[in-house]
């Protein structure tokens, strides 16, 4: 029999694989999708995005370039930064916003399907136990 932590690893991989497949249907990677959400939420500068994502500038720049090449975002020059470099703001395109909305709908349907045989009480209990586990892990740090 698997331990609780081993089961969590298996579940995490299953969820990641399902999420990757859903997001891929829209021409995105999970990282690109998460970055696109941050841009839609108003985080438009590379500096702000680097801070939020904890990515180094070169990795973030590659992801932004891929999103731009796929027409999910546009970039606008917004003057000069402190160091004299061009300041660029990133904005979502209609295609990007539509993809995120459709993904959110599809992920909601996925969750509904996943928990369709669970009562509200069972779902609430799972949430309580997961929160408790998370707090226990935080205390170990």
N, C-alpha and C. Protein backbone atom coordinates (compact mmCIF):
# COMPACT_ATOMS: atom_id res chain seq x y z
N UNK A 1 0.85 -1.19 0.00
CA UNK A 1 0.00 0.00 0.00
C UNK A 1 0.89 1.25 0.00
N UNK A 2 0.48 2.24 -0.79
CA UNK A 2 1.21 3.50 -0.92
C UNK A 2 1.06 4.36 0.32
N UNK A 3 2.08 5.12 0.64
CA UNK A 3 1.96 6.09 1.73
C UNK A 3 1.16 7.30 1.23
N UNK A 4 0.71 8.12 2.16
CA UNK A 4 -0.06 9.32 1.80
C UNK A 4 0.77 10.23 0.88
N UNK A 5 2.03 10.42 1.22
CA UNK A 5 2.87 11.32 0.42
C UNK A 5 3.14 10.73 -0.96
N UNK A 6 3.31 9.42 -1.05
CA UNK A 6 3.48 8.78 -2.36
C UNK A 6 2.22 8.96 -3.20
N UNK A 7 1.07 8.83 -2.57
CA UNK A 7 -0.20 9.02 -3.28
C UNK A 7 -0.32 10.45 -3.79
N UNK A 8 0.12 11.42 -3.00
CA UNK A 8 0.09 12.81 -3.45
C UNK A 8 0.95 13.01 -4.69
N UNK A 9 2.10 12.36 -4.73
CA UNK A 9 2.97 12.47 -5.91
C UNK A 9 2.30 11.89 -7.15
N UNK A 10 1.65 10.75 -6.99
CA UNK A 10 0.95 10.13 -8.12
C UNK A 10 -0.18 11.03 -8.60
N UNK A 11 -0.96 11.57 -7.67
CA UNK A 11 -2.07 12.44 -8.02
C UNK A 11 -1.56 13.71 -8.70
N UNK A 12 -0.47 14.26 -8.18
CA UNK A 12 0.10 15.47 -8.78
C UNK A 12 0.50 15.21 -10.22
N UNK A 13 1.12 14.07 -10.50
CA UNK A 13 1.52 13.75 -11.87
C UNK A 13 0.30 13.57 -12.76
N UNK A 14 -0.73 12.90 -12.27
CA UNK A 14 -1.94 12.71 -13.06
C UNK A 14 -2.60 14.05 -13.38
N UNK A 15 -2.67 14.93 -12.38
CA UNK A 15 -3.27 16.25 -12.59
C UNK A 15 -2.42 17.07 -13.57
N UNK A 16 -1.11 17.04 -13.41
CA UNK A 16 -0.21 17.78 -14.30
C UNK A 16 -0.38 17.30 -15.74
N UNK A 17 -0.44 15.98 -15.94
CA UNK A 17 -0.61 15.43 -17.29
C UNK A 17 -1.95 15.86 -17.91
N UNK A 18 -3.02 15.84 -17.12
CA UNK A 18 -4.33 16.26 -17.61
C UNK A 18 -4.33 17.75 -17.95
N UNK A 19 -3.73 18.56 -17.07
CA UNK A 19 -3.65 20.00 -17.28
C UNK A 19 -2.82 20.32 -18.52
N UNK A 20 -1.71 19.63 -18.67
CA UNK A 20 -0.84 19.84 -19.83
C UNK A 20 -1.59 19.55 -21.13
N UNK A 21 -2.37 18.49 -21.14
CA UNK A 21 -3.14 18.11 -22.32
C UNK A 21 -4.20 19.16 -22.64
N UNK A 22 -4.91 19.63 -21.63
CA UNK A 22 -5.95 20.64 -21.84
C UNK A 22 -5.35 21.94 -22.37
N UNK A 23 -4.28 22.40 -21.74
CA UNK A 23 -3.65 23.66 -22.14
C UNK A 23 -3.04 23.53 -23.54
N UNK A 24 -2.47 22.38 -23.84
CA UNK A 24 -1.86 22.15 -25.15
C UNK A 24 -2.89 22.27 -26.28
N UNK A 25 -4.14 21.90 -26.00
CA UNK A 25 -5.20 22.03 -27.00
C UNK A 25 -5.40 23.47 -27.47
N UNK A 26 -4.93 24.43 -26.68
CA UNK A 26 -5.05 25.84 -27.03
C UNK A 26 -3.72 26.41 -27.55
N UNK A 27 -2.75 25.53 -27.77
CA UNK A 27 -1.47 25.96 -28.31
C UNK A 27 -0.54 26.60 -27.29
N UNK A 28 -0.75 26.27 -26.02
CA UNK A 28 0.04 26.86 -24.94
C UNK A 28 0.72 25.78 -24.11
N UNK A 29 1.77 26.17 -23.41
CA UNK A 29 2.32 25.34 -22.34
C UNK A 29 1.71 25.84 -21.04
N UNK A 30 1.85 25.08 -19.98
CA UNK A 30 1.33 25.51 -18.68
C UNK A 30 2.00 26.82 -18.26
N UNK A 31 3.30 26.92 -18.44
CA UNK A 31 4.03 28.14 -18.06
C UNK A 31 3.55 29.35 -18.86
N UNK A 32 3.34 29.16 -20.16
CA UNK A 32 2.86 30.25 -21.00
C UNK A 32 1.45 30.68 -20.58
N UNK A 33 0.59 29.72 -20.28
CA UNK A 33 -0.77 30.01 -19.84
C UNK A 33 -0.75 30.81 -18.54
N UNK A 34 0.08 30.39 -17.58
CA UNK A 34 0.15 31.10 -16.31
C UNK A 34 0.70 32.52 -16.49
N UNK A 35 1.66 32.67 -17.39
CA UNK A 35 2.21 34.00 -17.69
C UNK A 35 1.16 34.87 -18.37
N UNK A 36 0.41 34.31 -19.29
CA UNK A 36 -0.65 35.04 -19.98
C UNK A 36 -1.70 35.54 -18.99
N UNK A 37 -2.05 34.73 -18.01
CA UNK A 37 -3.00 35.17 -16.97
C UNK A 37 -2.45 36.38 -16.22
N UNK A 38 -1.17 36.35 -15.89
CA UNK A 38 -0.55 37.47 -15.18
C UNK A 38 -0.61 38.75 -16.01
N UNK A 39 -0.40 38.63 -17.31
CA UNK A 39 -0.46 39.79 -18.20
C UNK A 39 -1.90 40.32 -18.27
N UNK A 40 -2.86 39.43 -18.41
CA UNK A 40 -4.27 39.83 -18.46
C UNK A 40 -4.67 40.52 -17.16
N UNK A 41 -4.09 40.10 -16.05
CA UNK A 41 -4.39 40.69 -14.75
C UNK A 41 -3.68 42.03 -14.52
N UNK A 42 -3.02 42.56 -15.55
CA UNK A 42 -2.47 43.91 -15.47
C UNK A 42 -0.98 44.00 -15.17
N UNK A 43 -0.30 42.89 -15.10
CA UNK A 43 1.15 42.89 -14.87
C UNK A 43 1.83 42.93 -16.23
N UNK A 44 2.13 44.15 -16.68
CA UNK A 44 2.50 44.32 -18.08
C UNK A 44 3.97 44.55 -18.35
N UNK A 45 4.77 44.78 -17.35
CA UNK A 45 6.19 45.02 -17.60
C UNK A 45 7.00 43.77 -17.31
N UNK A 46 8.13 43.65 -17.99
CA UNK A 46 8.99 42.49 -17.78
C UNK A 46 9.50 42.46 -16.35
N UNK A 47 9.76 43.62 -15.78
CA UNK A 47 10.24 43.71 -14.40
C UNK A 47 9.21 43.14 -13.43
N UNK A 48 7.96 43.54 -13.60
CA UNK A 48 6.88 43.06 -12.72
C UNK A 48 6.65 41.57 -12.92
N UNK A 49 6.68 41.12 -14.18
CA UNK A 49 6.46 39.70 -14.47
C UNK A 49 7.60 38.85 -13.90
N UNK A 50 8.82 39.34 -13.98
CA UNK A 50 9.96 38.60 -13.42
C UNK A 50 9.81 38.47 -11.91
N UNK A 51 9.36 39.53 -11.28
CA UNK A 51 9.15 39.51 -9.83
C UNK A 51 8.07 38.49 -9.44
N UNK A 52 6.96 38.50 -10.19
CA UNK A 52 5.84 37.60 -9.87
C UNK A 52 6.15 36.14 -10.16
N UNK A 53 6.86 35.88 -11.26
CA UNK A 53 7.11 34.50 -11.67
C UNK A 53 8.37 33.90 -11.05
N UNK A 54 9.23 34.76 -10.52
CA UNK A 54 10.52 34.32 -9.98
C UNK A 54 11.39 33.67 -11.06
N UNK A 55 11.19 34.08 -12.32
CA UNK A 55 11.99 33.57 -13.43
C UNK A 55 13.13 34.53 -13.70
N UNK A 56 14.26 33.98 -14.21
CA UNK A 56 15.31 34.90 -14.62
C UNK A 56 14.88 35.57 -15.92
N UNK A 57 15.50 36.69 -16.22
CA UNK A 57 15.07 37.53 -17.33
C UNK A 57 15.13 36.81 -18.67
N UNK A 58 16.14 35.98 -18.88
CA UNK A 58 16.26 35.31 -20.18
C UNK A 58 15.15 34.27 -20.38
N UNK A 59 14.80 33.53 -19.34
CA UNK A 59 13.70 32.56 -19.43
C UNK A 59 12.38 33.28 -19.67
N UNK A 60 12.15 34.34 -18.93
CA UNK A 60 10.93 35.13 -19.09
C UNK A 60 10.86 35.72 -20.49
N UNK A 61 11.96 36.23 -20.98
CA UNK A 61 12.00 36.81 -22.32
C UNK A 61 11.65 35.78 -23.39
N UNK A 62 12.16 34.57 -23.24
CA UNK A 62 11.82 33.50 -24.20
C UNK A 62 10.33 33.18 -24.16
N UNK A 63 9.75 33.10 -22.97
CA UNK A 63 8.33 32.81 -22.86
C UNK A 63 7.49 33.94 -23.46
N UNK A 64 7.88 35.17 -23.21
CA UNK A 64 7.16 36.31 -23.78
C UNK A 64 7.27 36.31 -25.31
N UNK A 65 8.44 35.97 -25.82
CA UNK A 65 8.63 35.89 -27.28
C UNK A 65 7.74 34.82 -27.89
N UNK A 66 7.64 33.68 -27.23
CA UNK A 66 6.77 32.60 -27.75
C UNK A 66 5.30 33.02 -27.73
N UNK A 67 4.87 33.67 -26.64
CA UNK A 67 3.49 34.14 -26.57
C UNK A 67 3.21 35.17 -27.66
N UNK A 68 4.18 36.03 -27.93
CA UNK A 68 4.04 37.04 -28.98
C UNK A 68 4.00 36.38 -30.36
N UNK A 69 4.87 35.42 -30.60
CA UNK A 69 4.91 34.72 -31.89
C UNK A 69 3.60 33.97 -32.15
N UNK A 70 2.98 33.47 -31.08
CA UNK A 70 1.71 32.75 -31.21
C UNK A 70 0.51 33.69 -31.23
N UNK A 71 0.79 35.00 -31.16
CA UNK A 71 -0.25 36.05 -31.22
C UNK A 71 -1.18 36.06 -30.01
N UNK A 72 -0.67 35.61 -28.84
CA UNK A 72 -1.46 35.69 -27.61
C UNK A 72 -1.24 37.02 -26.90
N UNK A 73 -0.10 37.67 -27.18
CA UNK A 73 0.20 38.98 -26.59
C UNK A 73 0.81 39.88 -27.66
N UNK A 74 0.74 41.19 -27.39
CA UNK A 74 1.44 42.20 -28.16
C UNK A 74 2.32 42.97 -27.19
N UNK A 75 3.31 43.65 -27.73
CA UNK A 75 4.12 44.50 -26.86
C UNK A 75 4.11 45.92 -27.41
N UNK A 76 4.12 46.86 -26.49
CA UNK A 76 4.07 48.27 -26.81
C UNK A 76 5.27 48.96 -26.17
N UNK A 77 5.95 49.80 -26.93
CA UNK A 77 7.06 50.56 -26.37
C UNK A 77 6.48 51.71 -25.56
N UNK A 78 6.97 51.85 -24.33
CA UNK A 78 6.42 52.86 -23.41
C UNK A 78 7.50 53.78 -22.89
N UNK A 79 8.37 54.26 -23.77
CA UNK A 79 9.42 55.18 -23.34
C UNK A 79 10.69 54.46 -22.93
N UNK A 80 11.45 55.12 -22.09
CA UNK A 80 12.74 54.58 -21.65
C UNK A 80 12.69 54.28 -20.16
N UNK A 81 13.43 53.23 -19.76
CA UNK A 81 13.53 52.88 -18.34
C UNK A 81 14.66 53.68 -17.71
N UNK A 82 14.95 53.41 -16.44
CA UNK A 82 16.00 54.13 -15.71
C UNK A 82 17.37 53.97 -16.37
N UNK A 83 17.64 52.81 -16.90
CA UNK A 83 18.94 52.55 -17.51
C UNK A 83 19.05 53.00 -18.95
N UNK A 84 18.03 53.67 -19.46
CA UNK A 84 18.05 54.14 -20.84
C UNK A 84 17.57 53.11 -21.85
N UNK A 85 17.20 51.92 -21.37
CA UNK A 85 16.69 50.88 -22.27
C UNK A 85 15.22 51.14 -22.56
N UNK A 86 14.74 50.62 -23.70
CA UNK A 86 13.33 50.76 -24.04
C UNK A 86 12.48 50.06 -22.99
N UNK A 87 11.43 50.73 -22.55
CA UNK A 87 10.48 50.12 -21.63
C UNK A 87 9.35 49.54 -22.46
N UNK A 88 9.06 48.26 -22.24
CA UNK A 88 8.04 47.57 -23.03
C UNK A 88 6.91 47.11 -22.12
N UNK A 89 5.70 47.38 -22.55
CA UNK A 89 4.52 46.86 -21.86
C UNK A 89 3.93 45.75 -22.71
N UNK A 90 3.53 44.68 -22.06
CA UNK A 90 2.92 43.54 -22.74
C UNK A 90 1.43 43.56 -22.47
N UNK A 91 0.64 43.35 -23.51
CA UNK A 91 -0.81 43.31 -23.38
C UNK A 91 -1.34 42.07 -24.09
N UNK A 92 -2.41 41.54 -23.57
CA UNK A 92 -3.03 40.36 -24.18
C UNK A 92 -3.78 40.77 -25.44
N UNK A 93 -3.77 39.90 -26.40
CA UNK A 93 -4.58 40.10 -27.60
C UNK A 93 -5.96 39.50 -27.36
N UNK A 94 -6.85 39.73 -28.29
CA UNK A 94 -8.17 39.11 -28.21
C UNK A 94 -8.04 37.59 -28.19
N UNK A 95 -7.11 37.07 -29.00
CA UNK A 95 -6.87 35.63 -29.05
C UNK A 95 -6.42 35.12 -27.68
N UNK A 96 -5.55 35.87 -27.00
CA UNK A 96 -5.06 35.47 -25.69
C UNK A 96 -6.16 35.47 -24.65
N UNK A 97 -6.98 36.52 -24.65
CA UNK A 97 -8.07 36.60 -23.67
C UNK A 97 -9.10 35.51 -23.92
N UNK A 98 -9.39 35.25 -25.17
CA UNK A 98 -10.35 34.21 -25.52
C UNK A 98 -9.84 32.83 -25.08
N UNK A 99 -8.56 32.57 -25.32
CA UNK A 99 -7.98 31.29 -24.92
C UNK A 99 -8.06 31.09 -23.41
N UNK A 100 -7.75 32.13 -22.65
CA UNK A 100 -7.80 32.02 -21.19
C UNK A 100 -9.23 31.78 -20.71
N UNK A 101 -10.20 32.49 -21.29
CA UNK A 101 -11.59 32.29 -20.90
C UNK A 101 -12.05 30.87 -21.22
N UNK A 102 -11.71 30.39 -22.40
CA UNK A 102 -12.09 29.03 -22.78
C UNK A 102 -11.41 27.99 -21.90
N UNK A 103 -10.15 28.24 -21.56
CA UNK A 103 -9.42 27.32 -20.67
C UNK A 103 -10.07 27.28 -19.30
N UNK A 104 -10.45 28.43 -18.78
CA UNK A 104 -11.09 28.47 -17.46
C UNK A 104 -12.39 27.68 -17.48
N UNK A 105 -13.14 27.80 -18.55
CA UNK A 105 -14.39 27.04 -18.69
C UNK A 105 -14.10 25.54 -18.75
N UNK A 106 -13.11 25.17 -19.55
CA UNK A 106 -12.78 23.75 -19.69
C UNK A 106 -12.23 23.17 -18.38
N UNK A 107 -11.44 23.94 -17.65
CA UNK A 107 -10.91 23.46 -16.36
C UNK A 107 -12.02 23.33 -15.32
N UNK A 108 -13.01 24.20 -15.37
CA UNK A 108 -14.16 24.09 -14.48
C UNK A 108 -14.93 22.80 -14.79
N UNK A 109 -15.11 22.51 -16.08
CA UNK A 109 -15.79 21.28 -16.48
C UNK A 109 -14.99 20.05 -16.04
N UNK A 110 -13.66 20.14 -16.14
CA UNK A 110 -12.78 19.05 -15.70
C UNK A 110 -12.98 18.79 -14.21
N UNK A 111 -12.97 19.87 -13.41
CA UNK A 111 -13.15 19.73 -11.96
C UNK A 111 -14.53 19.17 -11.63
N UNK A 112 -15.55 19.66 -12.34
CA UNK A 112 -16.91 19.16 -12.11
C UNK A 112 -16.97 17.66 -12.41
N UNK A 113 -16.35 17.26 -13.50
CA UNK A 113 -16.33 15.84 -13.89
C UNK A 113 -15.55 15.01 -12.86
N UNK A 114 -14.42 15.54 -12.41
CA UNK A 114 -13.57 14.83 -11.45
C UNK A 114 -14.31 14.56 -10.14
N UNK A 115 -15.07 15.54 -9.69
CA UNK A 115 -15.72 15.43 -8.39
C UNK A 115 -17.22 15.14 -8.49
N UNK A 116 -17.68 14.66 -9.63
CA UNK A 116 -19.12 14.46 -9.84
C UNK A 116 -19.73 13.43 -8.88
N UNK A 117 -18.94 12.49 -8.39
CA UNK A 117 -19.48 11.47 -7.48
C UNK A 117 -19.14 11.78 -6.01
N UNK A 118 -18.63 12.96 -5.77
CA UNK A 118 -18.28 13.38 -4.42
C UNK A 118 -19.38 14.28 -3.87
N UNK A 119 -19.73 14.08 -2.63
CA UNK A 119 -20.69 14.99 -2.00
C UNK A 119 -19.96 16.30 -1.65
N UNK A 120 -20.75 17.31 -1.39
CA UNK A 120 -20.18 18.60 -0.98
C UNK A 120 -19.38 18.42 0.31
N UNK A 121 -19.89 17.60 1.22
CA UNK A 121 -19.21 17.35 2.49
C UNK A 121 -17.85 16.69 2.26
N UNK A 122 -17.79 15.74 1.34
CA UNK A 122 -16.52 15.07 1.03
C UNK A 122 -15.53 16.06 0.42
N UNK A 123 -15.99 16.91 -0.46
CA UNK A 123 -15.11 17.91 -1.07
C UNK A 123 -14.61 18.89 -0.01
N UNK A 124 -15.50 19.29 0.88
CA UNK A 124 -15.10 20.20 1.97
C UNK A 124 -14.07 19.53 2.88
N UNK A 125 -14.26 18.25 3.18
CA UNK A 125 -13.33 17.53 4.05
C UNK A 125 -11.96 17.42 3.38
N UNK A 126 -11.95 17.12 2.08
CA UNK A 126 -10.68 17.07 1.36
C UNK A 126 -9.97 18.41 1.44
N UNK A 127 -10.71 19.51 1.24
CA UNK A 127 -10.10 20.83 1.30
C UNK A 127 -9.53 21.11 2.69
N UNK A 128 -10.25 20.73 3.71
CA UNK A 128 -9.77 20.93 5.09
C UNK A 128 -8.47 20.15 5.32
N UNK A 129 -8.45 18.89 4.88
CA UNK A 129 -7.26 18.05 5.08
C UNK A 129 -6.07 18.56 4.27
N UNK A 130 -6.31 19.02 3.05
CA UNK A 130 -5.22 19.56 2.24
C UNK A 130 -4.67 20.85 2.86
N UNK A 131 -5.55 21.70 3.37
CA UNK A 131 -5.10 22.92 4.04
C UNK A 131 -4.26 22.58 5.28
N UNK A 132 -4.72 21.58 6.00
CA UNK A 132 -3.99 21.15 7.21
C UNK A 132 -2.61 20.62 6.84
N UNK A 133 -2.54 19.82 5.78
CA UNK A 133 -1.26 19.29 5.31
C UNK A 133 -0.34 20.43 4.88
N UNK A 134 -0.89 21.40 4.17
CA UNK A 134 -0.10 22.54 3.72
C UNK A 134 0.48 23.31 4.91
N UNK A 135 -0.34 23.54 5.92
CA UNK A 135 0.14 24.25 7.13
C UNK A 135 1.22 23.44 7.85
N UNK A 136 1.06 22.13 7.89
CA UNK A 136 2.07 21.29 8.53
C UNK A 136 3.40 21.39 7.79
N UNK A 137 3.34 21.39 6.47
CA UNK A 137 4.57 21.52 5.67
C UNK A 137 5.22 22.88 5.88
N UNK A 138 4.42 23.92 5.97
CA UNK A 138 4.95 25.28 6.20
C UNK A 138 5.67 25.37 7.55
N UNK A 139 5.15 24.68 8.54
CA UNK A 139 5.78 24.71 9.87
C UNK A 139 7.12 24.00 9.88
N UNK A 140 7.33 23.08 8.94
CA UNK A 140 8.61 22.36 8.88
C UNK A 140 9.74 23.21 8.31
N UNK A 141 9.37 24.24 7.56
CA UNK A 141 10.40 25.10 6.94
C UNK A 141 11.18 25.89 7.93
